[in-house]
Amino acid sequence: FKAFARAIKMAVRKDDSGIMPSTKG
């Protein structure tokens, strides 16, 4: 559960680019 939480923390981090994180768009 702790590892899951830290993975979530990393994955939902947001930058200011507003770019879709996928080559498919």
PDBML (XML) file of the C-alpha atoms, coordinates in Angstrom:
<?xml version="1.0" encoding="UTF-8" ?>
<PDBx:datablock datablockName="MODEL"
   xmlns:PDBx="http://pdbml.pdb.org/schema/pdbx-v50.xsd"
   xmlns:xsi="http://www.w3.org/2001/XMLSchema-instance"
   xsi:schemaLocation="http://pdbml.pdb.org/schema/pdbx-v50.xsd pdbx-v50.xsd">
   <PDBx:atom_siteCategory>
      <PDBx:atom_site id="1">
         <PDBx:B_iso_or_equiv>0.00</PDBx:B_iso_or_equiv>
         <PDBx:Cartn_x>0.000</PDBx:Cartn_x>
         <PDBx:Cartn_y>0.000</PDBx:Cartn_y>
         <PDBx:Cartn_z>0.000</PDBx:Cartn_z>
         <PDBx:auth_asym_id>A</PDBx:auth_asym_id>
         <PDBx:auth_atom_id>CA</PDBx:auth_atom_id>
         <PDBx:auth_comp_id>PHE</PDBx:auth_comp_id>
         <PDBx:auth_seq_id>1</PDBx:auth_seq_id>
         <PDBx:group_PDB>ATOM</PDBx:group_PDB>
         <PDBx:label_alt_id xsi:nil="true" />
         <PDBx:label_asym_id>A</PDBx:label_asym_id>
         <PDBx:label_atom_id>CA</PDBx:label_atom_id>
         <PDBx:label_comp_id>PHE</PDBx:label_comp_id>
         <PDBx:label_entity_id>1</PDBx:label_entity_id>
         <PDBx:label_seq_id>1</PDBx:label_seq_id>
         <PDBx:occupancy>1.00</PDBx:occupancy>
         <PDBx:pdbx_PDB_model_num>1</PDBx:pdbx_PDB_model_num>
         <PDBx:type_symbol>C</PDBx:type_symbol>
      </PDBx:atom_site>
      <PDBx:atom_site id="2">
         <PDBx:B_iso_or_equiv>0.00</PDBx:B_iso_or_equiv>
         <PDBx:Cartn_x>2.872</PDBx:Cartn_x>
         <PDBx:Cartn_y>2.391</PDBx:Cartn_y>
         <PDBx:Cartn_z>0.757</PDBx:Cartn_z>
         <PDBx:auth_asym_id>A</PDBx:auth_asym_id>
         <PDBx:auth_atom_id>CA</PDBx:auth_atom_id>
         <PDBx:auth_comp_id>LYS</PDBx:auth_comp_id>
         <PDBx:auth_seq_id>2</PDBx:auth_seq_id>
         <PDBx:group_PDB>ATOM</PDBx:group_PDB>
         <PDBx:label_alt_id xsi:nil="true" />
         <PDBx:label_asym_id>A</PDBx:label_asym_id>
         <PDBx:label_atom_id>CA</PDBx:label_atom_id>
         <PDBx:label_comp_id>LYS</PDBx:label_comp_id>
         <PDBx:label_entity_id>1</PDBx:label_entity_id>
         <PDBx:label_seq_id>2</PDBx:label_seq_id>
         <PDBx:occupancy>1.00</PDBx:occupancy>
         <PDBx:pdbx_PDB_model_num>1</PDBx:pdbx_PDB_model_num>
         <PDBx:type_symbol>C</PDBx:type_symbol>
      </PDBx:atom_site>
      <PDBx:atom_site id="3">
         <PDBx:B_iso_or_equiv>0.00</PDBx:B_iso_or_equiv>
         <PDBx:Cartn_x>4.568</PDBx:Cartn_x>
         <PDBx:Cartn_y>1.566</PDBx:Cartn_y>
         <PDBx:Cartn_z>-2.533</PDBx:Cartn_z>
         <PDBx:auth_asym_id>A</PDBx:auth_asym_id>
         <PDBx:auth_atom_id>CA</PDBx:auth_atom_id>
         <PDBx:auth_comp_id>ALA</PDBx:auth_comp_id>
         <PDBx:auth_seq_id>3</PDBx:auth_seq_id>
         <PDBx:group_PDB>ATOM</PDBx:group_PDB>
         <PDBx:label_alt_id xsi:nil="true" />
         <PDBx:label_asym_id>A</PDBx:label_asym_id>
         <PDBx:label_atom_id>CA</PDBx:label_atom_id>
         <PDBx:label_comp_id>ALA</PDBx:label_comp_id>
         <PDBx:label_entity_id>1</PDBx:label_entity_id>
         <PDBx:label_seq_id>3</PDBx:label_seq_id>
         <PDBx:occupancy>1.00</PDBx:occupancy>
         <PDBx:pdbx_PDB_model_num>1</PDBx:pdbx_PDB_model_num>
         <PDBx:type_symbol>C</PDBx:type_symbol>
      </PDBx:atom_site>
      <PDBx:atom_site id="4">
         <PDBx:B_iso_or_equiv>0.00</PDBx:B_iso_or_equiv>
         <PDBx:Cartn_x>1.245</PDBx:Cartn_x>
         <PDBx:Cartn_y>2.033</PDBx:Cartn_y>
         <PDBx:Cartn_z>-4.318</PDBx:Cartn_z>
         <PDBx:auth_asym_id>A</PDBx:auth_asym_id>
         <PDBx:auth_atom_id>CA</PDBx:auth_atom_id>
         <PDBx:auth_comp_id>PHE</PDBx:auth_comp_id>
         <PDBx:auth_seq_id>4</PDBx:auth_seq_id>
         <PDBx:group_PDB>ATOM</PDBx:group_PDB>
         <PDBx:label_alt_id xsi:nil="true" />
         <PDBx:label_asym_id>A</PDBx:label_asym_id>
         <PDBx:label_atom_id>CA</PDBx:label_atom_id>
         <PDBx:label_comp_id>PHE</PDBx:label_comp_id>
         <PDBx:label_entity_id>1</PDBx:label_entity_id>
         <PDBx:label_seq_id>4</PDBx:label_seq_id>
         <PDBx:occupancy>1.00</PDBx:occupancy>
         <PDBx:pdbx_PDB_model_num>1</PDBx:pdbx_PDB_model_num>
         <PDBx:type_symbol>C</PDBx:type_symbol>
      </PDBx:atom_site>
      <PDBx:atom_site id="5">
         <PDBx:B_iso_or_equiv>0.00</PDBx:B_iso_or_equiv>
         <PDBx:Cartn_x>0.856</PDBx:Cartn_x>
         <PDBx:Cartn_y>5.433</PDBx:Cartn_y>
         <PDBx:Cartn_z>-2.651</PDBx:Cartn_z>
         <PDBx:auth_asym_id>A</PDBx:auth_asym_id>
         <PDBx:auth_atom_id>CA</PDBx:auth_atom_id>
         <PDBx:auth_comp_id>ALA</PDBx:auth_comp_id>
         <PDBx:auth_seq_id>5</PDBx:auth_seq_id>
         <PDBx:group_PDB>ATOM</PDBx:group_PDB>
         <PDBx:label_alt_id xsi:nil="true" />
         <PDBx:label_asym_id>A</PDBx:label_asym_id>
         <PDBx:label_atom_id>CA</PDBx:label_atom_id>
         <PDBx:label_comp_id>ALA</PDBx:label_comp_id>
         <PDBx:label_entity_id>1</PDBx:label_entity_id>
         <PDBx:label_seq_id>5</PDBx:label_seq_id>
         <PDBx:occupancy>1.00</PDBx:occupancy>
         <PDBx:pdbx_PDB_model_num>1</PDBx:pdbx_PDB_model_num>
         <PDBx:type_symbol>C</PDBx:type_symbol>
      </PDBx:atom_site>
      <PDBx:atom_site id="6">
         <PDBx:B_iso_or_equiv>0.00</PDBx:B_iso_or_equiv>
         <PDBx:Cartn_x>4.339</PDBx:Cartn_x>
         <PDBx:Cartn_y>6.605</PDBx:Cartn_y>
         <PDBx:Cartn_z>-3.677</PDBx:Cartn_z>
         <PDBx:auth_asym_id>A</PDBx:auth_asym_id>
         <PDBx:auth_atom_id>CA</PDBx:auth_atom_id>
         <PDBx:auth_comp_id>ARG</PDBx:auth_comp_id>
         <PDBx:auth_seq_id>6</PDBx:auth_seq_id>
         <PDBx:group_PDB>ATOM</PDBx:group_PDB>
         <PDBx:label_alt_id xsi:nil="true" />
         <PDBx:label_asym_id>A</PDBx:label_asym_id>
         <PDBx:label_atom_id>CA</PDBx:label_atom_id>
         <PDBx:label_comp_id>ARG</PDBx:label_comp_id>
         <PDBx:label_entity_id>1</PDBx:label_entity_id>
         <PDBx:label_seq_id>6</PDBx:label_seq_id>
         <PDBx:occupancy>1.00</PDBx:occupancy>
         <PDBx:pdbx_PDB_model_num>1</PDBx:pdbx_PDB_model_num>
         <PDBx:type_symbol>C</PDBx:type_symbol>
      </PDBx:atom_site>
      <PDBx:atom_site id="7">
         <PDBx:B_iso_or_equiv>0.00</PDBx:B_iso_or_equiv>
         <PDBx:Cartn_x>3.712</PDBx:Cartn_x>
         <PDBx:Cartn_y>5.413</PDBx:Cartn_y>
         <PDBx:Cartn_z>-7.222</PDBx:Cartn_z>
         <PDBx:auth_asym_id>A</PDBx:auth_asym_id>
         <PDBx:auth_atom_id>CA</PDBx:auth_atom_id>
         <PDBx:auth_comp_id>ALA</PDBx:auth_comp_id>
         <PDBx:auth_seq_id>7</PDBx:auth_seq_id>
         <PDBx:group_PDB>ATOM</PDBx:group_PDB>
         <PDBx:label_alt_id xsi:nil="true" />
         <PDBx:label_asym_id>A</PDBx:label_asym_id>
         <PDBx:label_atom_id>CA</PDBx:label_atom_id>
         <PDBx:label_comp_id>ALA</PDBx:label_comp_id>
         <PDBx:label_entity_id>1</PDBx:label_entity_id>
         <PDBx:label_seq_id>7</PDBx:label_seq_id>
         <PDBx:occupancy>1.00</PDBx:occupancy>
         <PDBx:pdbx_PDB_model_num>1</PDBx:pdbx_PDB_model_num>
         <PDBx:type_symbol>C</PDBx:type_symbol>
      </PDBx:atom_site>
      <PDBx:atom_site id="8">
         <PDBx:B_iso_or_equiv>0.00</PDBx:B_iso_or_equiv>
         <PDBx:Cartn_x>0.460</PDBx:Cartn_x>
         <PDBx:Cartn_y>7.413</PDBx:Cartn_y>
         <PDBx:Cartn_z>-7.279</PDBx:Cartn_z>
         <PDBx:auth_asym_id>A</PDBx:auth_asym_id>
         <PDBx:auth_atom_id>CA</PDBx:auth_atom_id>
         <PDBx:auth_comp_id>ILE</PDBx:auth_comp_id>
         <PDBx:auth_seq_id>8</PDBx:auth_seq_id>
         <PDBx:group_PDB>ATOM</PDBx:group_PDB>
         <PDBx:label_alt_id xsi:nil="true" />
         <PDBx:label_asym_id>A</PDBx:label_asym_id>
         <PDBx:label_atom_id>CA</PDBx:label_atom_id>
         <PDBx:label_comp_id>ILE</PDBx:label_comp_id>
         <PDBx:label_entity_id>1</PDBx:label_entity_id>
         <PDBx:label_seq_id>8</PDBx:label_seq_id>
         <PDBx:occupancy>1.00</PDBx:occupancy>
         <PDBx:pdbx_PDB_model_num>1</PDBx:pdbx_PDB_model_num>
         <PDBx:type_symbol>C</PDBx:type_symbol>
      </PDBx:atom_site>
      <PDBx:atom_site id="9">
         <PDBx:B_iso_or_equiv>0.00</PDBx:B_iso_or_equiv>
         <PDBx:Cartn_x>2.260</PDBx:Cartn_x>
         <PDBx:Cartn_y>10.475</PDBx:Cartn_y>
         <PDBx:Cartn_z>-5.938</PDBx:Cartn_z>
         <PDBx:auth_asym_id>A</PDBx:auth_asym_id>
         <PDBx:auth_atom_id>CA</PDBx:auth_atom_id>
         <PDBx:auth_comp_id>LYS</PDBx:auth_comp_id>
         <PDBx:auth_seq_id>9</PDBx:auth_seq_id>
         <PDBx:group_PDB>ATOM</PDBx:group_PDB>
         <PDBx:label_alt_id xsi:nil="true" />
         <PDBx:label_asym_id>A</PDBx:label_asym_id>
         <PDBx:label_atom_id>CA</PDBx:label_atom_id>
         <PDBx:label_comp_id>LYS</PDBx:label_comp_id>
         <PDBx:label_entity_id>1</PDBx:label_entity_id>
         <PDBx:label_seq_id>9</PDBx:label_seq_id>
         <PDBx:occupancy>1.00</PDBx:occupancy>
         <PDBx:pdbx_PDB_model_num>1</PDBx:pdbx_PDB_model_num>
         <PDBx:type_symbol>C</PDBx:type_symbol>
      </PDBx:atom_site>
      <PDBx:atom_site id="10">
         <PDBx:B_iso_or_equiv>0.00</PDBx:B_iso_or_equiv>
         <PDBx:Cartn_x>4.725</PDBx:Cartn_x>
         <PDBx:Cartn_y>10.265</PDBx:Cartn_y>
         <PDBx:Cartn_z>-8.818</PDBx:Cartn_z>
         <PDBx:auth_asym_id>A</PDBx:auth_asym_id>
         <PDBx:auth_atom_id>CA</PDBx:auth_atom_id>
         <PDBx:auth_comp_id>MET</PDBx:auth_comp_id>
         <PDBx:auth_seq_id>10</PDBx:auth_seq_id>
         <PDBx:group_PDB>ATOM</PDBx:group_PDB>
         <PDBx:label_alt_id xsi:nil="true" />
         <PDBx:label_asym_id>A</PDBx:label_asym_id>
         <PDBx:label_atom_id>CA</PDBx:label_atom_id>
         <PDBx:label_comp_id>MET</PDBx:label_comp_id>
         <PDBx:label_entity_id>1</PDBx:label_entity_id>
         <PDBx:label_seq_id>10</PDBx:label_seq_id>
         <PDBx:occupancy>1.00</PDBx:occupancy>
         <PDBx:pdbx_PDB_model_num>1</PDBx:pdbx_PDB_model_num>
         <PDBx:type_symbol>C</PDBx:type_symbol>
      </PDBx:atom_site>
      <PDBx:atom_site id="11">
         <PDBx:B_iso_or_equiv>0.00</PDBx:B_iso_or_equiv>
         <PDBx:Cartn_x>2.160</PDBx:Cartn_x>
         <PDBx:Cartn_y>9.500</PDBx:Cartn_y>
         <PDBx:Cartn_z>-11.514</PDBx:Cartn_z>
         <PDBx:auth_asym_id>A</PDBx:auth_asym_id>
         <PDBx:auth_atom_id>CA</PDBx:auth_atom_id>
         <PDBx:auth_comp_id>ALA</PDBx:auth_comp_id>
         <PDBx:auth_seq_id>11</PDBx:auth_seq_id>
         <PDBx:group_PDB>ATOM</PDBx:group_PDB>
         <PDBx:label_alt_id xsi:nil="true" />
         <PDBx:label_asym_id>A</PDBx:label_asym_id>
         <PDBx:label_atom_id>CA</PDBx:label_atom_id>
         <PDBx:label_comp_id>ALA</PDBx:label_comp_id>
         <PDBx:label_entity_id>1</PDBx:label_entity_id>
         <PDBx:label_seq_id>11</PDBx:label_seq_id>
         <PDBx:occupancy>1.00</PDBx:occupancy>
         <PDBx:pdbx_PDB_model_num>1</PDBx:pdbx_PDB_model_num>
         <PDBx:type_symbol>C</PDBx:type_symbol>
      </PDBx:atom_site>
      <PDBx:atom_site id="12">
         <PDBx:B_iso_or_equiv>0.00</PDBx:B_iso_or_equiv>
         <PDBx:Cartn_x>-0.373</PDBx:Cartn_x>
         <PDBx:Cartn_y>12.242</PDBx:Cartn_y>
         <PDBx:Cartn_z>-10.694</PDBx:Cartn_z>
         <PDBx:auth_asym_id>A</PDBx:auth_asym_id>
         <PDBx:auth_atom_id>CA</PDBx:auth_atom_id>
         <PDBx:auth_comp_id>VAL</PDBx:auth_comp_id>
         <PDBx:auth_seq_id>12</PDBx:auth_seq_id>
         <PDBx:group_PDB>ATOM</PDBx:group_PDB>
         <PDBx:label_alt_id xsi:nil="true" />
         <PDBx:label_asym_id>A</PDBx:label_asym_id>
         <PDBx:label_atom_id>CA</PDBx:label_atom_id>
         <PDBx:label_comp_id>VAL</PDBx:label_comp_id>
         <PDBx:label_entity_id>1</PDBx:label_entity_id>
         <PDBx:label_seq_id>12</PDBx:label_seq_id>
         <PDBx:occupancy>1.00</PDBx:occupancy>
         <PDBx:pdbx_PDB_model_num>1</PDBx:pdbx_PDB_model_num>
         <PDBx:type_symbol>C</PDBx:type_symbol>
      </PDBx:atom_site>
      <PDBx:atom_site id="13">
         <PDBx:B_iso_or_equiv>0.00</PDBx:B_iso_or_equiv>
         <PDBx:Cartn_x>2.305</PDBx:Cartn_x>
         <PDBx:Cartn_y>14.944</PDBx:Cartn_y>
         <PDBx:Cartn_z>-10.403</PDBx:Cartn_z>
         <PDBx:auth_asym_id>A</PDBx:auth_asym_id>
         <PDBx:auth_atom_id>CA</PDBx:auth_atom_id>
         <PDBx:auth_comp_id>ARG</PDBx:auth_comp_id>
         <PDBx:auth_seq_id>13</PDBx:auth_seq_id>
         <PDBx:group_PDB>ATOM</PDBx:group_PDB>
         <PDBx:label_alt_id xsi:nil="true" />
         <PDBx:label_asym_id>A</PDBx:label_asym_id>
         <PDBx:label_atom_id>CA</PDBx:label_atom_id>
         <PDBx:label_comp_id>ARG</PDBx:label_comp_id>
         <PDBx:label_entity_id>1</PDBx:label_entity_id>
         <PDBx:label_seq_id>13</PDBx:label_seq_id>
         <PDBx:occupancy>1.00</PDBx:occupancy>
         <PDBx:pdbx_PDB_model_num>1</PDBx:pdbx_PDB_model_num>
         <PDBx:type_symbol>C</PDBx:type_symbol>
      </PDBx:atom_site>
      <PDBx:atom_site id="14">
         <PDBx:B_iso_or_equiv>0.00</PDBx:B_iso_or_equiv>
         <PDBx:Cartn_x>1.346</PDBx:Cartn_x>
         <PDBx:Cartn_y>17.725</PDBx:Cartn_y>
         <PDBx:Cartn_z>-12.804</PDBx:Cartn_z>
         <PDBx:auth_asym_id>A</PDBx:auth_asym_id>
         <PDBx:auth_atom_id>CA</PDBx:auth_atom_id>
         <PDBx:auth_comp_id>LYS</PDBx:auth_comp_id>
         <PDBx:auth_seq_id>14</PDBx:auth_seq_id>
         <PDBx:group_PDB>ATOM</PDBx:group_PDB>
         <PDBx:label_alt_id xsi:nil="true" />
         <PDBx:label_asym_id>A</PDBx:label_asym_id>
         <PDBx:label_atom_id>CA</PDBx:label_atom_id>
         <PDBx:label_comp_id>LYS</PDBx:label_comp_id>
         <PDBx:label_entity_id>1</PDBx:label_entity_id>
         <PDBx:label_seq_id>14</PDBx:label_seq_id>
         <PDBx:occupancy>1.00</PDBx:occupancy>
         <PDBx:pdbx_PDB_model_num>1</PDBx:pdbx_PDB_model_num>
         <PDBx:type_symbol>C</PDBx:type_symbol>
      </PDBx:atom_site>
      <PDBx:atom_site id="15">
         <PDBx:B_iso_or_equiv>0.00</PDBx:B_iso_or_equiv>
         <PDBx:Cartn_x>3.468</PDBx:Cartn_x>
         <PDBx:Cartn_y>20.180</PDBx:Cartn_y>
         <PDBx:Cartn_z>-14.748</PDBx:Cartn_z>
         <PDBx:auth_asym_id>A</PDBx:auth_asym_id>
         <PDBx:auth_atom_id>CA</PDBx:auth_atom_id>
         <PDBx:auth_comp_id>ASP</PDBx:auth_comp_id>
         <PDBx:auth_seq_id>15</PDBx:auth_seq_id>
         <PDBx:group_PDB>ATOM</PDBx:group_PDB>
         <PDBx:label_alt_id xsi:nil="true" />
         <PDBx:label_asym_id>A</PDBx:label_asym_id>
         <PDBx:label_atom_id>CA</PDBx:label_atom_id>
         <PDBx:label_comp_id>ASP</PDBx:label_comp_id>
         <PDBx:label_entity_id>1</PDBx:label_entity_id>
         <PDBx:label_seq_id>15</PDBx:label_seq_id>
         <PDBx:occupancy>1.00</PDBx:occupancy>
         <PDBx:pdbx_PDB_model_num>1</PDBx:pdbx_PDB_model_num>
         <PDBx:type_symbol>C</PDBx:type_symbol>
      </PDBx:atom_site>
      <PDBx:atom_site id="16">
         <PDBx:B_iso_or_equiv>0.00</PDBx:B_iso_or_equiv>
         <PDBx:Cartn_x>2.324</PDBx:Cartn_x>
         <PDBx:Cartn_y>23.402</PDBx:Cartn_y>
         <PDBx:Cartn_z>-16.395</PDBx:Cartn_z>
         <PDBx:auth_asym_id>A</PDBx:auth_asym_id>
         <PDBx:auth_atom_id>CA</PDBx:auth_atom_id>
         <PDBx:auth_comp_id>ASP</PDBx:auth_comp_id>
         <PDBx:auth_seq_id>16</PDBx:auth_seq_id>
         <PDBx:group_PDB>ATOM</PDBx:group_PDB>
         <PDBx:label_alt_id xsi:nil="true" />
         <PDBx:label_asym_id>A</PDBx:label_asym_id>
         <PDBx:label_atom_id>CA</PDBx:label_atom_id>
         <PDBx:label_comp_id>ASP</PDBx:label_comp_id>
         <PDBx:label_entity_id>1</PDBx:label_entity_id>
         <PDBx:label_seq_id>16</PDBx:label_seq_id>
         <PDBx:occupancy>1.00</PDBx:occupancy>
         <PDBx:pdbx_PDB_model_num>1</PDBx:pdbx_PDB_model_num>
         <PDBx:type_symbol>C</PDBx:type_symbol>
      </PDBx:atom_site>
      <PDBx:atom_site id="17">
         <PDBx:B_iso_or_equiv>0.00</PDBx:B_iso_or_equiv>
         <PDBx:Cartn_x>2.611</PDBx:Cartn_x>
         <PDBx:Cartn_y>22.168</PDBx:Cartn_y>
         <PDBx:Cartn_z>-19.957</PDBx:Cartn_z>
         <PDBx:auth_asym_id>A</PDBx:auth_asym_id>
         <PDBx:auth_atom_id>CA</PDBx:auth_atom_id>
         <PDBx:auth_comp_id>SER</PDBx:auth_comp_id>
         <PDBx:auth_seq_id>17</PDBx:auth_seq_id>
         <PDBx:group_PDB>ATOM</PDBx:group_PDB>
         <PDBx:label_alt_id xsi:nil="true" />
         <PDBx:label_asym_id>A</PDBx:label_asym_id>
         <PDBx:label_atom_id>CA</PDBx:label_atom_id>
         <PDBx:label_comp_id>SER</PDBx:label_comp_id>
         <PDBx:label_entity_id>1</PDBx:label_entity_id>
         <PDBx:label_seq_id>17</PDBx:label_seq_id>
         <PDBx:occupancy>1.00</PDBx:occupancy>
         <PDBx:pdbx_PDB_model_num>1</PDBx:pdbx_PDB_model_num>
         <PDBx:type_symbol>C</PDBx:type_symbol>
      </PDBx:atom_site>
      <PDBx:atom_site id="18">
         <PDBx:B_iso_or_equiv>0.00</PDBx:B_iso_or_equiv>
         <PDBx:Cartn_x>-0.923</PDBx:Cartn_x>
         <PDBx:Cartn_y>20.850</PDBx:Cartn_y>
         <PDBx:Cartn_z>-20.241</PDBx:Cartn_z>
         <PDBx:auth_asym_id>A</PDBx:auth_asym_id>
         <PDBx:auth_atom_id>CA</PDBx:auth_atom_id>
         <PDBx:auth_comp_id>GLY</PDBx:auth_comp_id>
         <PDBx:auth_seq_id>18</PDBx:auth_seq_id>
         <PDBx:group_PDB>ATOM</PDBx:group_PDB>
         <PDBx:label_alt_id xsi:nil="true" />
         <PDBx:label_asym_id>A</PDBx:label_asym_id>
         <PDBx:label_atom_id>CA</PDBx:label_atom_id>
         <PDBx:label_comp_id>GLY</PDBx:label_comp_id>
         <PDBx:label_entity_id>1</PDBx:label_entity_id>
         <PDBx:label_seq_id>18</PDBx:label_seq_id>
         <PDBx:occupancy>1.00</PDBx:occupancy>
         <PDBx:pdbx_PDB_model_num>1</PDBx:pdbx_PDB_model_num>
         <PDBx:type_symbol>C</PDBx:type_symbol>
      </PDBx:atom_site>
      <PDBx:atom_site id="19">
         <PDBx:B_iso_or_equiv>0.00</PDBx:B_iso_or_equiv>
         <PDBx:Cartn_x>0.417</PDBx:Cartn_x>
         <PDBx:Cartn_y>18.287</PDBx:Cartn_y>
         <PDBx:Cartn_z>-22.712</PDBx:Cartn_z>
         <PDBx:auth_asym_id>A</PDBx:auth_asym_id>
         <PDBx:auth_atom_id>CA</PDBx:auth_atom_id>
         <PDBx:auth_comp_id>ILE</PDBx:auth_comp_id>
         <PDBx:auth_seq_id>19</PDBx:auth_seq_id>
         <PDBx:group_PDB>ATOM</PDBx:group_PDB>
         <PDBx:label_alt_id xsi:nil="true" />
         <PDBx:label_asym_id>A</PDBx:label_asym_id>
         <PDBx:label_atom_id>CA</PDBx:label_atom_id>
         <PDBx:label_comp_id>ILE</PDBx:label_comp_id>
         <PDBx:label_entity_id>1</PDBx:label_entity_id>
         <PDBx:label_seq_id>19</PDBx:label_seq_id>
         <PDBx:occupancy>1.00</PDBx:occupancy>
         <PDBx:pdbx_PDB_model_num>1</PDBx:pdbx_PDB_model_num>
         <PDBx:type_symbol>C</PDBx:type_symbol>
      </PDBx:atom_site>
      <PDBx:atom_site id="20">
         <PDBx:B_iso_or_equiv>0.00</PDBx:B_iso_or_equiv>
         <PDBx:Cartn_x>-1.382</PDBx:Cartn_x>
         <PDBx:Cartn_y>14.968</PDBx:Cartn_y>
         <PDBx:Cartn_z>-23.124</PDBx:Cartn_z>
         <PDBx:auth_asym_id>A</PDBx:auth_asym_id>
         <PDBx:auth_atom_id>CA</PDBx:auth_atom_id>
         <PDBx:auth_comp_id>MET</PDBx:auth_comp_id>
         <PDBx:auth_seq_id>20</PDBx:auth_seq_id>
         <PDBx:group_PDB>ATOM</PDBx:group_PDB>
         <PDBx:label_alt_id xsi:nil="true" />
         <PDBx:label_asym_id>A</PDBx:label_asym_id>
         <PDBx:label_atom_id>CA</PDBx:label_atom_id>
         <PDBx:label_comp_id>MET</PDBx:label_comp_id>
         <PDBx:label_entity_id>1</PDBx:label_entity_id>
         <PDBx:label_seq_id>20</PDBx:label_seq_id>
         <PDBx:occupancy>1.00</PDBx:occupancy>
         <PDBx:pdbx_PDB_model_num>1</PDBx:pdbx_PDB_model_num>
         <PDBx:type_symbol>C</PDBx:type_symbol>
      </PDBx:atom_site>
      <PDBx:atom_site id="21">
         <PDBx:B_iso_or_equiv>0.00</PDBx:B_iso_or_equiv>
         <PDBx:Cartn_x>1.105</PDBx:Cartn_x>
         <PDBx:Cartn_y>12.319</PDBx:Cartn_y>
         <PDBx:Cartn_z>-21.916</PDBx:Cartn_z>
         <PDBx:auth_asym_id>A</PDBx:auth_asym_id>
         <PDBx:auth_atom_id>CA</PDBx:auth_atom_id>
         <PDBx:auth_comp_id>PRO</PDBx:auth_comp_id>
         <PDBx:auth_seq_id>21</PDBx:auth_seq_id>
         <PDBx:group_PDB>ATOM</PDBx:group_PDB>
         <PDBx:label_alt_id xsi:nil="true" />
         <PDBx:label_asym_id>A</PDBx:label_asym_id>
         <PDBx:label_atom_id>CA</PDBx:label_atom_id>
         <PDBx:label_comp_id>PRO</PDBx:label_comp_id>
         <PDBx:label_entity_id>1</PDBx:label_entity_id>
         <PDBx:label_seq_id>21</PDBx:label_seq_id>
         <PDBx:occupancy>1.00</PDBx:occupancy>
         <PDBx:pdbx_PDB_model_num>1</PDBx:pdbx_PDB_model_num>
         <PDBx:type_symbol>C</PDBx:type_symbol>
      </PDBx:atom_site>
      <PDBx:atom_site id="22">
         <PDBx:B_iso_or_equiv>0.00</PDBx:B_iso_or_equiv>
         <PDBx:Cartn_x>0.509</PDBx:Cartn_x>
         <PDBx:Cartn_y>10.076</PDBx:Cartn_y>
         <PDBx:Cartn_z>-24.937</PDBx:Cartn_z>
         <PDBx:auth_asym_id>A</PDBx:auth_asym_id>
         <PDBx:auth_atom_id>CA</PDBx:auth_atom_id>
         <PDBx:auth_comp_id>SER</PDBx:auth_comp_id>
         <PDBx:auth_seq_id>22</PDBx:auth_seq_id>
         <PDBx:group_PDB>ATOM</PDBx:group_PDB>
         <PDBx:label_alt_id xsi:nil="true" />
         <PDBx:label_asym_id>A</PDBx:label_asym_id>
         <PDBx:label_atom_id>CA</PDBx:label_atom_id>
         <PDBx:label_comp_id>SER</PDBx:label_comp_id>
         <PDBx:label_entity_id>1</PDBx:label_entity_id>
         <PDBx:label_seq_id>22</PDBx:label_seq_id>
         <PDBx:occupancy>1.00</PDBx:occupancy>
         <PDBx:pdbx_PDB_model_num>1</PDBx:pdbx_PDB_model_num>
         <PDBx:type_symbol>C</PDBx:type_symbol>
      </PDBx:atom_site>
      <PDBx:atom_site id="23">
         <PDBx:B_iso_or_equiv>0.00</PDBx:B_iso_or_equiv>
         <PDBx:Cartn_x>1.747</PDBx:Cartn_x>
         <PDBx:Cartn_y>10.012</PDBx:Cartn_y>
         <PDBx:Cartn_z>-28.517</PDBx:Cartn_z>
         <PDBx:auth_asym_id>A</PDBx:auth_asym_id>
         <PDBx:auth_atom_id>CA</PDBx:auth_atom_id>
         <PDBx:auth_comp_id>THR</PDBx:auth_comp_id>
         <PDBx:auth_seq_id>23</PDBx:auth_seq_id>
         <PDBx:group_PDB>ATOM</PDBx:group_PDB>
         <PDBx:label_alt_id xsi:nil="true" />
         <PDBx:label_asym_id>A</PDBx:label_asym_id>
         <PDBx:label_atom_id>CA</PDBx:label_atom_id>
         <PDBx:label_comp_id>THR</PDBx:label_comp_id>
         <PDBx:label_entity_id>1</PDBx:label_entity_id>
         <PDBx:label_seq_id>23</PDBx:label_seq_id>
         <PDBx:occupancy>1.00</PDBx:occupancy>
         <PDBx:pdbx_PDB_model_num>1</PDBx:pdbx_PDB_model_num>
         <PDBx:type_symbol>C</PDBx:type_symbol>
      </PDBx:atom_site>
      <PDBx:atom_site id="24">
         <PDBx:B_iso_or_equiv>0.00</PDBx:B_iso_or_equiv>
         <PDBx:Cartn_x>-1.839</PDBx:Cartn_x>
         <PDBx:Cartn_y>9.205</PDBx:Cartn_y>
         <PDBx:Cartn_z>-29.516</PDBx:Cartn_z>
         <PDBx:auth_asym_id>A</PDBx:auth_asym_id>
         <PDBx:auth_atom_id>CA</PDBx:auth_atom_id>
         <PDBx:auth_comp_id>LYS</PDBx:auth_comp_id>
         <PDBx:auth_seq_id>24</PDBx:auth_seq_id>
         <PDBx:group_PDB>ATOM</PDBx:group_PDB>
         <PDBx:label_alt_id xsi:nil="true" />
         <PDBx:label_asym_id>A</PDBx:label_asym_id>
         <PDBx:label_atom_id>CA</PDBx:label_atom_id>
         <PDBx:label_comp_id>LYS</PDBx:label_comp_id>
         <PDBx:label_entity_id>1</PDBx:label_entity_id>
         <PDBx:label_seq_id>24</PDBx:label_seq_id>
         <PDBx:occupancy>1.00</PDBx:occupancy>
         <PDBx:pdbx_PDB_model_num>1</PDBx:pdbx_PDB_model_num>
         <PDBx:type_symbol>C</PDBx:type_symbol>
      </PDBx:atom_site>
      <PDBx:atom_site id="25">
         <PDBx:B_iso_or_equiv>0.00</PDBx:B_iso_or_equiv>
         <PDBx:Cartn_x>-3.041</PDBx:Cartn_x>
         <PDBx:Cartn_y>12.516</PDBx:Cartn_y>
         <PDBx:Cartn_z>-28.147</PDBx:Cartn_z>
         <PDBx:auth_asym_id>A</PDBx:auth_asym_id>
         <PDBx:auth_atom_id>CA</PDBx:auth_atom_id>
         <PDBx:auth_comp_id>GLY</PDBx:auth_comp_id>
         <PDBx:auth_seq_id>25</PDBx:auth_seq_id>
         <PDBx:group_PDB>ATOM</PDBx:group_PDB>
         <PDBx:label_alt_id xsi:nil="true" />
         <PDBx:label_asym_id>A</PDBx:label_asym_id>
         <PDBx:label_atom_id>CA</PDBx:label_atom_id>
         <PDBx:label_comp_id>GLY</PDBx:label_comp_id>
         <PDBx:label_entity_id>1</PDBx:label_entity_id>
         <PDBx:label_seq_id>25</PDBx:label_seq_id>
         <PDBx:occupancy>1.00</PDBx:occupancy>
         <PDBx:pdbx_PDB_model_num>1</PDBx:pdbx_PDB_model_num>
         <PDBx:type_symbol>C</PDBx:type_symbol>
      </PDBx:atom_site>
   </PDBx:atom_siteCategory>
</PDBx:datablock>
